[in-house]
Amino acid sequence: MQRLILMRHAQAEKSAPGGDIDRALSERGRADALAMGRLLAARGLRPDMALVSASRRTRQTWDAVSESFGDVDLRIEDGLYNASSDTLRRAVEGAEEEAGCLLVLAHNPGVHQLAVEYLIESAASPGVLDKMSGGFPTAAAAVFTVDVAGRPSYEGWLTPADAEA
């Protein structure tokens, strides 16, 4: 793997009759997901594999984001639903031999925690750590370059606001 994209699902409705796992994207969430797909593709960030949580909102986010990517090896993973950073890390490590560019689409706090862990491990600058300390908004993506030893280092941070600019 040469590149890793950690992404949080887009904004979802507050509730659903089937519970949290069945919450759908809001209208804003759908628009943000479409915009983020276009932004990622415009920056050359096209995954060849995606690991996506089984929740409705993450699957809907993927459906919108992926419109800009073309063919991607998609894997819906039950274990990524509200997964911890450790679980997400294991999923990344499990796919590293199969993907050139891997996108992991899941939930907070796990996505945020894993991004911060990678930043700390790669000795990211205080400015980058400050940027990430503000949280991980819906539909945001942290992008990492991965070296030959499998160590991610910070490449960029994208939010729906970047897509609007």
N, C-alpha and C. Protein backbone atom coordinates (compact mmCIF):
# COMPACT_ATOMS: atom_id res chain seq x y z
N MET A 1 0.85 -1.18 0.00
CA MET A 1 0.00 0.00 0.00
C MET A 1 0.89 1.24 0.00
N GLN A 2 0.56 2.18 -0.86
CA GLN A 2 1.30 3.44 -0.91
C GLN A 2 0.54 4.60 -0.29
N ARG A 3 -0.78 4.47 -0.21
CA ARG A 3 -1.58 5.59 0.31
C ARG A 3 -2.77 5.05 1.08
N LEU A 4 -3.11 5.76 2.15
CA LEU A 4 -4.26 5.40 3.00
C LEU A 4 -5.13 6.63 3.18
N ILE A 5 -6.43 6.45 2.99
CA ILE A 5 -7.40 7.52 3.23
C ILE A 5 -8.33 7.04 4.34
N LEU A 6 -8.31 7.74 5.47
CA LEU A 6 -9.25 7.47 6.56
C LEU A 6 -10.37 8.48 6.45
N MET A 7 -11.59 8.00 6.33
CA MET A 7 -12.73 8.90 6.11
C MET A 7 -13.86 8.56 7.07
N ARG A 8 -14.48 9.61 7.57
CA ARG A 8 -15.67 9.46 8.40
C ARG A 8 -16.90 9.60 7.50
N HIS A 9 -17.95 8.86 7.83
CA HIS A 9 -19.20 8.95 7.07
C HIS A 9 -19.71 10.39 7.06
N ALA A 10 -20.55 10.70 6.09
CA ALA A 10 -21.16 12.02 6.00
C ALA A 10 -22.29 12.17 7.03
N GLN A 11 -22.80 13.38 7.14
CA GLN A 11 -23.82 13.68 8.16
C GLN A 11 -25.06 12.80 7.97
N ALA A 12 -25.54 12.26 9.08
CA ALA A 12 -26.69 11.36 9.06
C ALA A 12 -27.87 11.96 9.81
N GLU A 13 -29.03 11.39 9.57
CA GLU A 13 -30.22 11.77 10.32
C GLU A 13 -29.99 11.44 11.80
N LYS A 14 -30.74 12.09 12.67
CA LYS A 14 -30.56 11.93 14.11
C LYS A 14 -30.96 10.54 14.62
N SER A 15 -31.94 9.92 13.96
CA SER A 15 -32.40 8.61 14.43
C SER A 15 -33.02 7.83 13.27
N ALA A 16 -33.26 6.56 13.53
CA ALA A 16 -33.93 5.69 12.56
C ALA A 16 -34.72 4.64 13.33
N PRO A 17 -35.85 4.19 12.78
CA PRO A 17 -36.64 3.16 13.47
C PRO A 17 -35.84 1.90 13.80
N GLY A 18 -34.86 1.55 12.96
CA GLY A 18 -34.08 0.34 13.19
C GLY A 18 -32.89 0.54 14.11
N GLY A 19 -32.74 1.74 14.67
CA GLY A 19 -31.62 2.02 15.56
C GLY A 19 -30.47 2.69 14.84
N ASP A 20 -29.38 2.89 15.57
CA ASP A 20 -28.24 3.66 15.07
C ASP A 20 -27.68 3.11 13.76
N ILE A 21 -27.57 1.81 13.64
CA ILE A 21 -26.95 1.23 12.44
C ILE A 21 -27.76 1.54 11.18
N ASP A 22 -29.04 1.86 11.33
CA ASP A 22 -29.91 2.13 10.19
C ASP A 22 -30.10 3.61 9.88
N ARG A 23 -29.36 4.49 10.57
CA ARG A 23 -29.51 5.92 10.27
C ARG A 23 -29.02 6.22 8.86
N ALA A 24 -29.86 6.94 8.11
CA ALA A 24 -29.55 7.30 6.72
C ALA A 24 -28.85 8.66 6.68
N LEU A 25 -28.25 8.95 5.54
CA LEU A 25 -27.65 10.27 5.37
C LEU A 25 -28.73 11.34 5.30
N SER A 26 -28.39 12.49 5.81
CA SER A 26 -29.25 13.66 5.66
C SER A 26 -29.04 14.23 4.25
N GLU A 27 -29.83 15.18 3.88
CA GLU A 27 -29.65 15.82 2.56
C GLU A 27 -28.26 16.46 2.48
N ARG A 28 -27.86 17.15 3.53
CA ARG A 28 -26.53 17.75 3.56
C ARG A 28 -25.45 16.67 3.47
N GLY A 29 -25.66 15.56 4.17
CA GLY A 29 -24.69 14.47 4.13
C GLY A 29 -24.49 13.93 2.73
N ARG A 30 -25.56 13.75 2.01
CA ARG A 30 -25.45 13.26 0.62
C ARG A 30 -24.67 14.25 -0.23
N ALA A 31 -24.99 15.54 -0.10
CA ALA A 31 -24.27 16.57 -0.87
C ALA A 31 -22.79 16.60 -0.50
N ASP A 32 -22.49 16.51 0.79
CA ASP A 32 -21.09 16.51 1.24
C ASP A 32 -20.33 15.30 0.71
N ALA A 33 -20.97 14.14 0.72
CA ALA A 33 -20.31 12.92 0.23
C ALA A 33 -20.02 13.03 -1.27
N LEU A 34 -20.97 13.52 -2.04
CA LEU A 34 -20.73 13.71 -3.47
C LEU A 34 -19.57 14.68 -3.70
N ALA A 35 -19.56 15.78 -2.94
CA ALA A 35 -18.50 16.79 -3.07
C ALA A 35 -17.14 16.21 -2.69
N MET A 36 -17.10 15.42 -1.63
CA MET A 36 -15.83 14.82 -1.21
C MET A 36 -15.31 13.82 -2.24
N GLY A 37 -16.18 13.08 -2.86
CA GLY A 37 -15.76 12.17 -3.92
C GLY A 37 -15.11 12.92 -5.07
N ARG A 38 -15.74 14.02 -5.47
CA ARG A 38 -15.18 14.83 -6.55
C ARG A 38 -13.84 15.43 -6.14
N LEU A 39 -13.75 15.90 -4.89
CA LEU A 39 -12.51 16.51 -4.39
C LEU A 39 -11.38 15.48 -4.34
N LEU A 40 -11.65 14.32 -3.78
CA LEU A 40 -10.62 13.28 -3.71
C LEU A 40 -10.14 12.90 -5.11
N ALA A 41 -11.07 12.69 -6.03
CA ALA A 41 -10.70 12.31 -7.40
C ALA A 41 -9.90 13.42 -8.08
N ALA A 42 -10.30 14.67 -7.88
CA ALA A 42 -9.59 15.79 -8.49
C ALA A 42 -8.15 15.89 -7.99
N ARG A 43 -7.91 15.42 -6.78
CA ARG A 43 -6.56 15.44 -6.21
C ARG A 43 -5.79 14.15 -6.47
N GLY A 44 -6.35 13.30 -7.30
CA GLY A 44 -5.68 12.06 -7.65
C GLY A 44 -5.75 10.99 -6.57
N LEU A 45 -6.68 11.14 -5.66
CA LEU A 45 -6.83 10.21 -4.53
C LEU A 45 -7.97 9.25 -4.84
N ARG A 46 -7.69 8.30 -5.71
CA ARG A 46 -8.68 7.31 -6.14
C ARG A 46 -8.28 5.96 -5.57
N PRO A 47 -9.06 5.45 -4.62
CA PRO A 47 -8.71 4.16 -4.03
C PRO A 47 -8.92 3.01 -5.01
N ASP A 48 -8.13 1.96 -4.83
CA ASP A 48 -8.42 0.75 -5.58
C ASP A 48 -9.10 -0.29 -4.69
N MET A 49 -9.13 0.00 -3.37
CA MET A 49 -9.87 -0.85 -2.43
C MET A 49 -10.50 0.04 -1.37
N ALA A 50 -11.72 -0.32 -0.96
CA ALA A 50 -12.40 0.40 0.11
C ALA A 50 -12.95 -0.60 1.13
N LEU A 51 -12.65 -0.32 2.39
CA LEU A 51 -13.24 -1.07 3.51
C LEU A 51 -14.27 -0.15 4.13
N VAL A 52 -15.52 -0.57 4.13
CA VAL A 52 -16.64 0.30 4.52
C VAL A 52 -17.45 -0.39 5.62
N SER A 53 -17.74 0.34 6.66
CA SER A 53 -18.59 -0.15 7.73
C SER A 53 -19.95 -0.55 7.16
N ALA A 54 -20.58 -1.51 7.81
CA ALA A 54 -21.87 -2.02 7.34
C ALA A 54 -23.05 -1.12 7.67
N SER A 55 -22.84 -0.03 8.39
CA SER A 55 -23.98 0.84 8.72
C SER A 55 -24.55 1.47 7.45
N ARG A 56 -25.81 1.84 7.53
CA ARG A 56 -26.48 2.44 6.38
C ARG A 56 -25.81 3.74 5.96
N ARG A 57 -25.45 4.58 6.91
CA ARG A 57 -24.87 5.88 6.58
C ARG A 57 -23.49 5.77 5.93
N THR A 58 -22.69 4.77 6.35
CA THR A 58 -21.38 4.60 5.70
C THR A 58 -21.55 4.03 4.29
N ARG A 59 -22.48 3.10 4.12
CA ARG A 59 -22.71 2.55 2.78
C ARG A 59 -23.24 3.63 1.84
N GLN A 60 -24.14 4.49 2.35
CA GLN A 60 -24.67 5.58 1.53
C GLN A 60 -23.57 6.61 1.22
N THR A 61 -22.71 6.87 2.20
CA THR A 61 -21.58 7.77 1.94
C THR A 61 -20.72 7.19 0.82
N TRP A 62 -20.40 5.89 0.93
CA TRP A 62 -19.60 5.25 -0.10
C TRP A 62 -20.27 5.36 -1.46
N ASP A 63 -21.57 5.09 -1.53
CA ASP A 63 -22.27 5.15 -2.80
C ASP A 63 -22.09 6.51 -3.46
N ALA A 64 -22.18 7.57 -2.68
CA ALA A 64 -22.04 8.93 -3.23
C ALA A 64 -20.59 9.25 -3.57
N VAL A 65 -19.67 8.95 -2.66
CA VAL A 65 -18.26 9.24 -2.88
C VAL A 65 -17.74 8.48 -4.09
N SER A 66 -18.11 7.23 -4.21
CA SER A 66 -17.53 6.35 -5.24
C SER A 66 -17.98 6.70 -6.65
N GLU A 67 -18.99 7.55 -6.79
CA GLU A 67 -19.41 7.96 -8.13
C GLU A 67 -18.26 8.62 -8.89
N SER A 68 -17.28 9.13 -8.18
CA SER A 68 -16.14 9.81 -8.80
C SER A 68 -14.94 8.91 -9.03
N PHE A 69 -15.01 7.64 -8.65
CA PHE A 69 -13.82 6.80 -8.65
C PHE A 69 -13.72 5.75 -9.75
N GLY A 70 -14.79 5.27 -10.28
CA GLY A 70 -14.70 4.12 -11.18
C GLY A 70 -14.65 2.84 -10.37
N ASP A 71 -14.03 1.81 -10.93
CA ASP A 71 -13.99 0.50 -10.29
C ASP A 71 -13.11 0.50 -9.04
N VAL A 72 -13.67 0.00 -7.95
CA VAL A 72 -12.97 -0.12 -6.68
C VAL A 72 -13.37 -1.46 -6.07
N ASP A 73 -12.41 -2.16 -5.50
CA ASP A 73 -12.69 -3.40 -4.78
C ASP A 73 -13.35 -3.01 -3.45
N LEU A 74 -14.65 -3.17 -3.35
CA LEU A 74 -15.43 -2.76 -2.17
C LEU A 74 -15.64 -3.94 -1.24
N ARG A 75 -15.36 -3.70 0.05
CA ARG A 75 -15.61 -4.71 1.08
C ARG A 75 -16.40 -4.07 2.21
N ILE A 76 -17.63 -4.50 2.36
CA ILE A 76 -18.48 -4.05 3.46
C ILE A 76 -18.12 -4.91 4.66
N GLU A 77 -17.71 -4.27 5.74
CA GLU A 77 -17.19 -4.99 6.91
C GLU A 77 -18.06 -4.72 8.14
N ASP A 78 -18.76 -5.74 8.61
CA ASP A 78 -19.56 -5.61 9.83
C ASP A 78 -18.72 -5.12 11.01
N GLY A 79 -17.50 -5.60 11.10
CA GLY A 79 -16.63 -5.27 12.23
C GLY A 79 -16.16 -3.83 12.28
N LEU A 80 -16.40 -3.05 11.22
CA LEU A 80 -15.99 -1.64 11.23
C LEU A 80 -17.06 -0.72 11.81
N TYR A 81 -18.25 -1.28 12.07
CA TYR A 81 -19.32 -0.46 12.66
C TYR A 81 -18.92 -0.05 14.07
N ASN A 82 -18.77 1.26 14.27
CA ASN A 82 -18.35 1.84 15.55
C ASN A 82 -17.07 1.19 16.09
N ALA A 83 -16.17 0.84 15.19
CA ALA A 83 -14.94 0.16 15.57
C ALA A 83 -13.96 1.07 16.29
N SER A 84 -13.18 0.47 17.16
CA SER A 84 -12.11 1.18 17.86
C SER A 84 -10.95 1.44 16.89
N SER A 85 -10.04 2.28 17.30
CA SER A 85 -8.86 2.53 16.47
C SER A 85 -8.05 1.26 16.28
N ASP A 86 -7.98 0.41 17.29
CA ASP A 86 -7.24 -0.86 17.17
C ASP A 86 -7.86 -1.76 16.10
N THR A 87 -9.19 -1.85 16.09
CA THR A 87 -9.87 -2.66 15.09
C THR A 87 -9.65 -2.09 13.70
N LEU A 88 -9.73 -0.78 13.56
CA LEU A 88 -9.50 -0.14 12.27
C LEU A 88 -8.06 -0.37 11.81
N ARG A 89 -7.11 -0.26 12.73
CA ARG A 89 -5.69 -0.48 12.40
C ARG A 89 -5.49 -1.91 11.87
N ARG A 90 -6.09 -2.88 12.55
CA ARG A 90 -5.97 -4.27 12.09
C ARG A 90 -6.56 -4.45 10.69
N ALA A 91 -7.66 -3.75 10.41
CA ALA A 91 -8.27 -3.84 9.08
C ALA A 91 -7.33 -3.25 8.02
N VAL A 92 -6.71 -2.11 8.35
CA VAL A 92 -5.74 -1.49 7.44
C VAL A 92 -4.57 -2.46 7.20
N GLU A 93 -4.03 -2.99 8.26
CA GLU A 93 -2.89 -3.90 8.14
C GLU A 93 -3.26 -5.16 7.36
N GLY A 94 -4.48 -5.62 7.51
CA GLY A 94 -4.93 -6.81 6.80
C GLY A 94 -5.08 -6.59 5.30
N ALA A 95 -5.24 -5.36 4.88
CA ALA A 95 -5.44 -5.05 3.46
C ALA A 95 -4.20 -4.47 2.80
N GLU A 96 -3.15 -4.23 3.56
CA GLU A 96 -2.01 -3.49 3.02
C GLU A 96 -1.31 -4.18 1.85
N GLU A 97 -1.37 -5.50 1.78
CA GLU A 97 -0.74 -6.21 0.66
C GLU A 97 -1.61 -6.23 -0.59
N GLU A 98 -2.90 -5.92 -0.42
CA GLU A 98 -3.84 -6.01 -1.54
C GLU A 98 -4.14 -4.68 -2.20
N ALA A 99 -3.89 -3.59 -1.53
CA ALA A 99 -4.32 -2.28 -2.03
C ALA A 99 -3.12 -1.37 -2.29
N GLY A 100 -3.20 -0.63 -3.38
CA GLY A 100 -2.24 0.44 -3.62
C GLY A 100 -2.67 1.69 -2.87
N CYS A 101 -3.95 2.02 -3.02
CA CYS A 101 -4.57 3.12 -2.29
C CYS A 101 -5.82 2.57 -1.61
N LEU A 102 -5.80 2.58 -0.29
CA LEU A 102 -6.90 2.03 0.52
C LEU A 102 -7.69 3.15 1.15
N LEU A 103 -9.02 3.09 1.01
CA LEU A 103 -9.91 4.01 1.71
C LEU A 103 -10.66 3.22 2.78
N VAL A 104 -10.60 3.70 4.01
CA VAL A 104 -11.36 3.12 5.11
C VAL A 104 -12.44 4.12 5.49
N LEU A 105 -13.69 3.71 5.40
CA LEU A 105 -14.83 4.58 5.67
C LEU A 105 -15.58 4.03 6.86
N ALA A 106 -15.50 4.77 7.98
CA ALA A 106 -16.07 4.26 9.22
C ALA A 106 -16.57 5.41 10.09
N HIS A 107 -16.44 5.26 11.40
CA HIS A 107 -17.10 6.13 12.37
C HIS A 107 -16.12 6.74 13.37
N ASN A 108 -16.55 7.83 13.97
CA ASN A 108 -15.85 8.37 15.14
C ASN A 108 -16.35 7.64 16.36
N PRO A 109 -15.57 7.51 17.40
CA PRO A 109 -14.27 8.13 17.58
C PRO A 109 -13.12 7.33 16.98
N GLY A 110 -13.36 6.12 16.48
CA GLY A 110 -12.28 5.27 16.01
C GLY A 110 -11.46 5.87 14.89
N VAL A 111 -12.11 6.47 13.88
CA VAL A 111 -11.40 7.06 12.75
C VAL A 111 -10.50 8.19 13.25
N HIS A 112 -11.06 9.05 14.07
CA HIS A 112 -10.28 10.18 14.60
C HIS A 112 -9.10 9.69 15.43
N GLN A 113 -9.34 8.75 16.30
CA GLN A 113 -8.26 8.24 17.15
C GLN A 113 -7.15 7.60 16.33
N LEU A 114 -7.50 6.83 15.31
CA LEU A 114 -6.47 6.19 14.50
C LEU A 114 -5.67 7.25 13.73
N ALA A 115 -6.33 8.25 13.19
CA ALA A 115 -5.61 9.32 12.49
C ALA A 115 -4.61 10.01 13.42
N VAL A 116 -5.04 10.32 14.62
CA VAL A 116 -4.14 10.97 15.59
C VAL A 116 -2.98 10.03 15.95
N GLU A 117 -3.27 8.75 16.14
CA GLU A 117 -2.19 7.78 16.43
C GLU A 117 -1.16 7.77 15.32
N TYR A 118 -1.61 7.74 14.07
CA TYR A 118 -0.68 7.75 12.94
C TYR A 118 0.13 9.04 12.91
N LEU A 119 -0.51 10.16 13.24
CA LEU A 119 0.21 11.43 13.27
C LEU A 119 1.31 11.41 14.32
N ILE A 120 0.98 10.92 15.50
CA ILE A 120 1.96 10.86 16.59
C ILE A 120 3.10 9.91 16.21
N GLU A 121 2.76 8.74 15.69
CA GLU A 121 3.78 7.76 15.31
C GLU A 121 4.72 8.27 14.24
N SER A 122 4.22 9.14 13.35
CA SER A 122 5.06 9.66 12.27
C SER A 122 5.70 11.00 12.62
N ALA A 123 5.58 11.40 13.88
CA ALA A 123 6.17 12.66 14.36
C ALA A 123 5.70 13.85 13.53
N ALA A 124 4.41 13.93 13.31
CA ALA A 124 3.83 15.05 12.56
C ALA A 124 4.08 16.35 13.31
N SER A 125 4.07 17.43 12.58
CA SER A 125 4.34 18.74 13.17
C SER A 125 3.24 19.12 14.16
N PRO A 126 3.57 19.99 15.11
CA PRO A 126 2.55 20.47 16.05
C PRO A 126 1.35 21.11 15.35
N GLY A 127 1.59 21.79 14.23
CA GLY A 127 0.50 22.41 13.49
C GLY A 127 -0.49 21.40 12.95
N VAL A 128 0.04 20.30 12.45
CA VAL A 128 -0.83 19.23 11.94
C VAL A 128 -1.60 18.59 13.08
N LEU A 129 -0.92 18.34 14.19
CA LEU A 129 -1.59 17.76 15.36
C LEU A 129 -2.68 18.70 15.88
N ASP A 130 -2.42 19.99 15.88
CA ASP A 130 -3.43 20.97 16.31
C ASP A 130 -4.65 20.92 15.40
N LYS A 131 -4.39 20.83 14.09
CA LYS A 131 -5.50 20.78 13.13
C LYS A 131 -6.39 19.58 13.41
N MET A 132 -5.78 18.44 13.71
CA MET A 132 -6.54 17.22 13.94
C MET A 132 -7.16 17.19 15.34
N SER A 133 -6.62 17.96 16.27
CA SER A 133 -7.15 17.93 17.64
C SER A 133 -8.54 18.54 17.71
N GLY A 134 -8.93 19.30 16.71
CA GLY A 134 -10.25 19.91 16.69
C GLY A 134 -11.37 18.94 16.38
N GLY A 135 -11.03 17.70 16.14
CA GLY A 135 -12.05 16.70 15.85
C GLY A 135 -11.98 16.24 14.41
N PHE A 136 -12.88 15.36 14.06
CA PHE A 136 -12.93 14.76 12.73
C PHE A 136 -14.37 14.89 12.26
N PRO A 137 -14.66 15.99 11.55
CA PRO A 137 -16.05 16.24 11.16
C PRO A 137 -16.60 15.20 10.18
N THR A 138 -17.90 15.14 10.05
CA THR A 138 -18.51 14.23 9.10
C THR A 138 -17.99 14.50 7.69
N ALA A 139 -17.79 13.44 6.95
CA ALA A 139 -17.31 13.44 5.56
C ALA A 139 -15.86 13.91 5.41
N ALA A 140 -15.14 14.12 6.48
CA ALA A 140 -13.74 14.53 6.39
C ALA A 140 -12.87 13.32 6.07
N ALA A 141 -11.68 13.60 5.54
CA ALA A 141 -10.74 12.54 5.19
C ALA A 141 -9.32 12.96 5.55
N ALA A 142 -8.61 12.08 6.21
CA ALA A 142 -7.18 12.26 6.48
C ALA A 142 -6.44 11.34 5.52
N VAL A 143 -5.45 11.91 4.85
CA VAL A 143 -4.72 11.17 3.82
C VAL A 143 -3.28 10.95 4.29
N PHE A 144 -2.81 9.72 4.14
CA PHE A 144 -1.46 9.35 4.56
C PHE A 144 -0.73 8.67 3.41
N THR A 145 0.55 9.01 3.27
CA THR A 145 1.45 8.27 2.41
C THR A 145 2.01 7.14 3.25
N VAL A 146 2.15 5.96 2.66
CA VAL A 146 2.64 4.80 3.40
C VAL A 146 3.99 4.39 2.81
N ASP A 147 5.01 4.31 3.67
CA ASP A 147 6.34 3.94 3.18
C ASP A 147 6.46 2.42 2.99
N VAL A 148 7.61 1.98 2.49
CA VAL A 148 7.78 0.56 2.19
C VAL A 148 7.72 -0.32 3.43
N ALA A 149 7.95 0.26 4.60
CA ALA A 149 7.85 -0.50 5.85
C ALA A 149 6.43 -0.50 6.41
N GLY A 150 5.48 0.15 5.68
CA GLY A 150 4.09 0.18 6.13
C GLY A 150 3.77 1.27 7.11
N ARG A 151 4.65 2.28 7.24
CA ARG A 151 4.42 3.37 8.19
C ARG A 151 3.74 4.54 7.50
N PRO A 152 2.54 4.91 7.97
CA PRO A 152 1.84 6.05 7.38
C PRO A 152 2.43 7.38 7.86
N SER A 153 2.52 8.34 6.94
CA SER A 153 2.89 9.71 7.32
C SER A 153 1.89 10.66 6.68
N TYR A 154 1.61 11.73 7.38
CA TYR A 154 0.57 12.68 6.99
C TYR A 154 0.82 13.28 5.62
N GLU A 155 -0.21 13.24 4.79
CA GLU A 155 -0.16 13.86 3.47
C GLU A 155 -1.13 15.03 3.36
N GLY A 156 -2.32 14.89 3.98
CA GLY A 156 -3.29 15.97 3.85
C GLY A 156 -4.57 15.72 4.62
N TRP A 157 -5.37 16.76 4.71
CA TRP A 157 -6.62 16.77 5.45
C TRP A 157 -7.65 17.46 4.58
N LEU A 158 -8.74 16.79 4.30
CA LEU A 158 -9.78 17.34 3.44
C LEU A 158 -11.12 17.28 4.14
N THR A 159 -11.89 18.34 3.99
CA THR A 159 -13.24 18.41 4.55
C THR A 159 -14.20 18.89 3.47
N PRO A 160 -15.49 18.75 3.68
CA PRO A 160 -16.44 19.26 2.71
C PRO A 160 -16.25 20.77 2.42
N ALA A 161 -15.77 21.53 3.39
CA ALA A 161 -15.52 22.95 3.16
C ALA A 161 -14.46 23.15 2.08
N ASP A 162 -13.47 22.25 2.00
CA ASP A 162 -12.45 22.34 0.95
C ASP A 162 -13.07 22.13 -0.42
N ALA A 163 -14.09 21.29 -0.49
CA ALA A 163 -14.76 21.02 -1.76
C ALA A 163 -15.55 22.24 -2.22
N GLU A 164 -16.03 23.02 -1.29
CA GLU A 164 -16.81 24.22 -1.62
C GLU A 164 -15.92 25.35 -2.09
N ALA A 165 -14.65 25.35 -1.66
CA ALA A 165 -13.74 26.45 -1.99
C ALA A 165 -13.29 26.42 -3.44
